[in-house]
Amino acid sequence: MFAGVNLTILPNMNPPPYQEYAQVCIDEGIKVVETAGNNPARLLKDINLIKMLKDGGVEVVIHKCIAVRHALSAEKAGVDIISMDGMECGGHPGEDDVGNFVLLAKAAKKLSIPFIASGGVGDGKQLVAALSLGAIGVNMGTRFGVTQECAKWKKNVKQWMVDHTEKDTTIVLRPFVNSTRVINNEIAQAVNRVEREKGADVKFEDLMALMAGTRGRQAEADDDPEAGILTAGQVIGLIDDIPTCKELVDRFMAEAEVTLASVNHFTAKSRL
């Protein structure tokens, strides 16, 4: 089994040492790296992150994209697999607002390298749908966050996800072309309120205290789902329990098998 690392390279006024992070991945013998948030071939003026990782022994570079045009650029730059991220996802869905039902089908038409379906996935029926649309698999973030093994989210945060629906997320930071899907808690509502009231005059400084990452991490540590910004996808509408990872995967695959059998039965009957 390979260890994998996600390396998010978002634009930042004071950027972290991304090149050093990549070097740590190489030094530790990581074989699979997923990049996201920016063009990995243009990390800095003179650094092609894809080439650096590949030359350092990383065997598979995955790049997360929210648009097929970005995926085509990443394919041309040399990534091995694309993670196509629909607008349903938690975190950064981009600005295009295209859901996976269209995004995956278009990716299948345009890409010549494999792609994974990301965003909004929570059950086995969706795996069959994603495979039918051309994906080679699915990526689940929020759903695995609501499992017994997840230590980052504790009891109250997980229960918040169980008790709420697909309508209980919101987008913040859209005025800054940095849209972020988060749970629609008290802090997120305060951010949206400032964005509405300030309109075109809103500045990030107006939101810094609410959006602070330290505040979100403290909310997780305190197990208070209302006290900070917490990213999650619309898939919370499909979450109604807190299983172990094994229980989740076993159920997920059983759902996929039943769904696939049903599809095969339908297609067989249609040929009669």
Protein backbone atom coordinates (compact mmCIF):
# COMPACT_ATOMS: atom_id res chain seq x y z
CA MET A 1 0.00 0.00 0.00
CA PHE A 2 1.33 3.44 -0.97
CA ALA A 3 1.27 6.45 1.33
CA GLY A 4 -0.29 9.52 -0.26
CA VAL A 5 -0.05 13.22 0.50
CA ASN A 6 -2.29 16.11 -0.50
CA LEU A 7 -0.28 19.24 -1.28
CA THR A 8 -2.60 22.23 -1.59
CA ILE A 9 -0.81 25.12 -3.28
CA LEU A 10 -3.30 27.95 -2.92
CA PRO A 11 -2.21 31.49 -3.80
CA ASN A 12 -1.29 33.32 -0.63
CA MET A 13 0.01 36.75 0.33
CA ASN A 14 2.58 34.98 2.50
CA PRO A 15 2.89 31.59 0.80
CA PRO A 16 4.09 28.59 2.80
CA PRO A 17 7.33 26.93 1.61
CA TYR A 18 5.60 24.68 -0.93
CA GLN A 19 8.88 23.63 -2.52
CA GLU A 20 10.14 22.45 0.86
CA TYR A 21 6.89 20.55 1.45
CA ALA A 22 7.36 18.80 -1.89
CA GLN A 23 10.95 17.95 -0.96
CA VAL A 24 9.77 16.34 2.27
CA CYS A 25 7.39 14.15 0.23
CA ILE A 26 10.34 13.09 -1.91
CA ASP A 27 12.67 12.53 1.04
CA GLU A 28 10.04 10.40 2.82
CA GLY A 29 9.51 8.19 -0.22
CA ILE A 30 5.90 9.20 -0.84
CA LYS A 31 4.70 7.55 -4.05
CA VAL A 32 1.38 9.34 -4.62
CA VAL A 33 0.92 13.12 -4.33
CA GLU A 34 -2.27 15.03 -5.03
CA THR A 35 -1.89 18.72 -5.81
CA ALA A 36 -4.70 21.24 -5.70
CA GLY A 37 -5.42 24.94 -5.63
CA ASN A 38 -3.10 26.21 -8.34
CA ASN A 39 -1.25 25.15 -11.49
CA PRO A 40 1.42 22.67 -10.29
CA ALA A 41 3.54 23.40 -13.35
CA ARG A 42 3.80 27.07 -12.34
CA LEU A 43 4.26 26.91 -8.58
CA LEU A 44 6.90 29.62 -8.76
CA LYS A 45 8.55 31.21 -11.77
CA ASP A 46 11.29 28.59 -11.96
CA ILE A 47 9.65 25.56 -10.31
CA ASN A 48 7.62 22.90 -12.10
CA LEU A 49 6.20 20.97 -9.17
CA ILE A 50 5.17 18.02 -11.35
CA LYS A 51 8.69 17.62 -12.73
CA MET A 52 10.21 18.05 -9.28
CA LEU A 53 8.01 15.32 -7.79
CA LYS A 54 8.47 12.94 -10.72
CA ASP A 55 12.23 13.41 -10.82
CA GLY A 56 12.28 12.79 -7.07
CA GLY A 57 10.62 9.39 -7.34
CA VAL A 58 6.94 10.14 -6.88
CA GLU A 59 5.17 7.62 -9.09
CA VAL A 60 1.70 9.15 -9.39
CA VAL A 61 0.78 12.84 -9.39
CA ILE A 62 -2.94 13.58 -9.14
CA HIS A 63 -4.22 17.11 -9.70
CA LYS A 64 -7.59 18.29 -8.44
CA CYS A 65 -9.55 20.42 -10.93
CA ILE A 66 -12.93 22.13 -10.85
CA ALA A 67 -13.14 22.66 -14.62
CA VAL A 68 -12.31 20.53 -17.65
CA ARG A 69 -10.21 23.34 -19.13
CA HIS A 70 -7.99 23.19 -16.04
CA ALA A 71 -7.85 19.41 -16.30
CA LEU A 72 -6.67 19.64 -19.91
CA SER A 73 -3.88 22.01 -18.86
CA ALA A 74 -2.85 19.62 -16.08
CA GLU A 75 -2.91 16.69 -18.50
CA LYS A 76 -0.65 18.62 -20.89
CA ALA A 77 1.67 19.47 -17.99
CA GLY A 78 2.18 15.78 -17.22
CA VAL A 79 -0.02 14.77 -14.30
CA ASP A 80 -1.09 11.12 -14.23
CA ILE A 81 -4.66 11.36 -12.90
CA ILE A 82 -7.20 14.15 -12.56
CA SER A 83 -9.54 14.53 -9.59
CA MET A 84 -12.61 16.23 -11.04
CA ASP A 85 -14.21 18.28 -8.27
CA GLY A 86 -17.86 19.20 -8.70
CA MET A 87 -19.50 22.19 -7.08
CA GLU A 88 -21.00 19.87 -4.43
CA CYS A 89 -17.61 19.49 -2.76
CA GLY A 90 -16.53 20.88 0.57
CA GLY A 91 -13.68 23.36 0.45
CA HIS A 92 -12.94 25.08 -2.85
CA PRO A 93 -15.47 24.34 -5.64
CA GLY A 94 -14.20 27.12 -7.91
CA GLU A 95 -16.37 29.76 -9.52
CA ASP A 96 -18.05 27.88 -12.38
CA ASP A 97 -20.79 26.14 -10.33
CA VAL A 98 -20.87 22.99 -12.45
CA GLY A 99 -22.10 19.82 -10.77
CA ASN A 100 -20.57 16.41 -11.27
CA PHE A 101 -23.35 15.04 -13.46
CA VAL A 102 -22.19 17.35 -16.26
CA LEU A 103 -18.55 17.79 -15.19
CA LEU A 104 -17.72 14.07 -15.23
CA ALA A 105 -19.46 13.43 -18.54
CA LYS A 106 -17.53 16.27 -20.17
CA ALA A 107 -14.26 15.08 -18.63
CA ALA A 108 -14.85 11.67 -20.20
CA LYS A 109 -15.25 13.31 -23.60
CA LYS A 110 -12.19 15.55 -23.36
CA LEU A 111 -9.50 13.84 -21.27
CA SER A 112 -7.19 11.04 -22.35
CA ILE A 113 -5.88 10.30 -18.84
CA PRO A 114 -7.89 8.73 -15.99
CA PHE A 115 -9.98 10.83 -13.66
CA ILE A 116 -11.60 10.39 -10.26
CA ALA A 117 -14.98 11.80 -9.20
CA SER A 118 -14.73 14.12 -6.20
CA GLY A 119 -17.41 16.10 -4.41
CA GLY A 120 -20.76 15.00 -3.08
CA VAL A 121 -20.03 11.26 -2.93
CA GLY A 122 -21.44 9.34 0.02
CA ASP A 123 -22.89 6.01 -1.10
CA GLY A 124 -22.30 3.08 -3.43
CA LYS A 125 -24.95 4.10 -5.94
CA GLN A 126 -22.85 7.16 -6.70
CA LEU A 127 -19.80 4.98 -7.33
CA VAL A 128 -21.72 3.14 -10.06
CA ALA A 129 -22.91 6.47 -11.46
CA ALA A 130 -19.37 7.86 -11.47
CA LEU A 131 -18.00 4.76 -13.21
CA SER A 132 -20.81 5.01 -15.75
CA LEU A 133 -19.82 8.61 -16.45
CA GLY A 134 -16.22 7.61 -17.12
CA ALA A 135 -14.46 7.98 -13.77
CA ILE A 136 -12.11 5.25 -12.51
CA GLY A 137 -13.19 5.75 -8.90
CA VAL A 138 -14.46 8.23 -6.34
CA ASN A 139 -12.97 10.41 -3.64
CA MET A 140 -14.80 10.91 -0.32
CA GLY A 141 -13.73 13.55 2.19
CA THR A 142 -16.69 14.73 4.25
CA ARG A 143 -18.18 11.24 4.46
CA PHE A 144 -15.04 9.74 5.96
CA GLY A 145 -14.91 12.69 8.36
CA VAL A 146 -18.13 11.39 9.89
CA THR A 147 -16.74 8.02 10.95
CA GLN A 148 -15.74 6.73 14.35
CA GLU A 149 -12.03 6.75 13.50
CA CYS A 150 -11.91 10.42 12.49
CA ALA A 151 -10.14 12.24 15.34
CA LYS A 152 -10.23 15.73 13.85
CA TRP A 153 -14.00 15.91 14.10
CA LYS A 154 -15.38 14.90 17.47
CA LYS A 155 -18.85 13.88 18.68
CA ASN A 156 -20.74 17.19 18.38
CA VAL A 157 -19.32 18.13 14.98
CA LYS A 158 -20.11 14.68 13.58
CA GLN A 159 -23.61 14.82 15.01
CA TRP A 160 -24.11 18.24 13.40
CA MET A 161 -23.40 16.61 10.04
CA VAL A 162 -25.85 13.78 10.76
CA ASP A 163 -28.60 16.18 11.85
CA HIS A 164 -28.35 18.56 8.88
CA THR A 165 -29.09 18.29 5.17
CA GLU A 166 -27.63 19.09 1.78
CA LYS A 167 -29.15 22.58 2.17
CA ASP A 168 -27.03 23.33 5.23
CA THR A 169 -23.82 24.41 3.55
CA THR A 170 -23.00 27.84 2.19
CA ILE A 171 -20.38 29.52 0.01
CA VAL A 172 -18.09 32.12 1.57
CA LEU A 173 -15.35 34.28 0.01
CA ARG A 174 -16.98 34.43 -3.43
CA PRO A 175 -16.31 38.21 -3.68
CA PHE A 176 -12.59 37.36 -3.58
CA VAL A 177 -12.84 34.68 -6.31
CA ASN A 178 -11.91 32.16 -3.64
CA SER A 179 -15.27 30.44 -3.13
CA THR A 180 -15.26 28.01 -0.21
CA ARG A 181 -18.07 25.63 0.73
CA VAL A 182 -18.52 25.37 4.50
CA ILE A 183 -21.20 24.29 6.94
CA ASN A 184 -23.81 27.00 7.37
CA ASN A 185 -23.15 27.65 11.05
CA GLU A 186 -23.24 30.91 13.01
CA ILE A 187 -19.77 32.01 11.86
CA ALA A 188 -20.45 31.29 8.19
CA GLN A 189 -23.73 33.21 8.42
CA ALA A 190 -21.84 36.15 9.91
CA VAL A 191 -19.36 36.04 7.01
CA ASN A 192 -22.18 36.00 4.44
CA ARG A 193 -23.87 38.87 6.25
CA VAL A 194 -20.75 41.05 6.05
CA GLU A 195 -20.31 40.12 2.37
CA ARG A 196 -23.89 41.20 1.63
CA GLU A 197 -23.75 44.41 3.66
CA LYS A 198 -20.38 45.55 2.30
CA GLY A 199 -21.13 44.49 -1.27
CA ALA A 200 -18.46 45.57 -3.74
CA ASP A 201 -16.60 47.39 -0.97
CA VAL A 202 -15.94 44.27 1.10
CA LYS A 203 -12.29 43.69 1.98
CA PHE A 204 -10.75 40.51 3.32
CA GLU A 205 -9.76 42.45 6.44
CA ASP A 206 -13.48 42.72 7.19
CA LEU A 207 -13.65 38.93 7.48
CA MET A 208 -10.25 37.95 8.86
CA ALA A 209 -11.36 37.50 12.48
CA LEU A 210 -14.27 35.28 11.41
CA MET A 211 -12.34 33.29 8.79
CA ALA A 212 -9.17 32.72 10.82
CA GLY A 213 -7.92 29.18 10.48
CA THR A 214 -6.93 29.19 14.14
CA ARG A 215 -10.57 29.85 15.01
CA GLY A 216 -11.72 26.87 12.95
CA ARG A 217 -9.10 24.58 14.46
CA GLN A 218 -10.11 25.71 17.94
CA ALA A 219 -13.76 24.97 17.13
CA GLU A 220 -12.74 21.44 16.15
CA ALA A 221 -10.63 21.04 19.29
CA ASP A 222 -13.51 22.30 21.46
CA ASP A 223 -16.00 20.15 19.53
CA ASP A 224 -18.17 23.23 18.89
CA PRO A 225 -19.65 23.14 15.37
CA GLU A 226 -20.89 26.73 15.63
CA ALA A 227 -17.63 28.40 16.72
CA GLY A 228 -15.55 28.50 13.55
CA ILE A 229 -15.41 27.91 9.81
CA LEU A 230 -15.66 24.18 9.05
CA THR A 231 -15.50 22.94 5.47
CA ALA A 232 -17.90 20.21 4.37
CA GLY A 233 -19.73 19.25 1.20
CA GLN A 234 -23.38 18.91 0.29
CA VAL A 235 -22.97 15.18 0.88
CA ILE A 236 -23.99 15.81 4.49
CA GLY A 237 -27.51 15.31 3.11
CA LEU A 238 -26.62 11.63 2.61
CA ILE A 239 -25.06 11.13 6.05
CA ASP A 240 -27.34 9.70 8.73
CA ASP A 241 -24.98 7.72 10.94
CA ILE A 242 -21.43 7.54 12.30
CA PRO A 243 -20.06 4.14 11.26
CA THR A 244 -16.57 2.71 11.48
CA CYS A 245 -14.54 3.04 8.30
CA LYS A 246 -14.91 -0.70 7.71
CA GLU A 247 -18.67 -0.52 8.13
CA LEU A 248 -18.82 2.42 5.74
CA VAL A 249 -16.71 0.74 3.06
CA ASP A 250 -18.50 -2.61 3.38
CA ARG A 251 -21.89 -0.92 3.05
CA PHE A 252 -20.64 1.30 0.24
CA MET A 253 -19.46 -1.67 -1.82
CA ALA A 254 -22.61 -3.67 -1.09
CA GLU A 255 -24.72 -0.74 -2.35
CA ALA A 256 -22.56 -0.53 -5.47
CA GLU A 257 -22.93 -4.24 -6.19
CA VAL A 258 -26.72 -4.17 -5.77
CA THR A 259 -26.97 -1.07 -7.96
CA LEU A 260 -24.73 -2.52 -10.65
CA ALA A 261 -26.76 -5.74 -10.67
CA SER A 262 -29.93 -3.68 -11.08
CA VAL A 263 -28.43 -1.73 -13.97
CA ASN A 264 -27.24 -4.93 -15.64
CA HIS A 265 -30.72 -6.44 -15.23
CA PHE A 266 -32.29 -3.37 -16.81
CA THR A 267 -29.92 -3.34 -19.77
CA ALA A 268 -30.39 -7.07 -20.30
CA LYS A 269 -34.20 -6.68 -20.38
CA SER A 270 -33.93 -3.73 -22.77
CA ARG A 271 -32.20 -5.98 -25.32
CA LEU A 272 -35.10 -8.44 -25.39
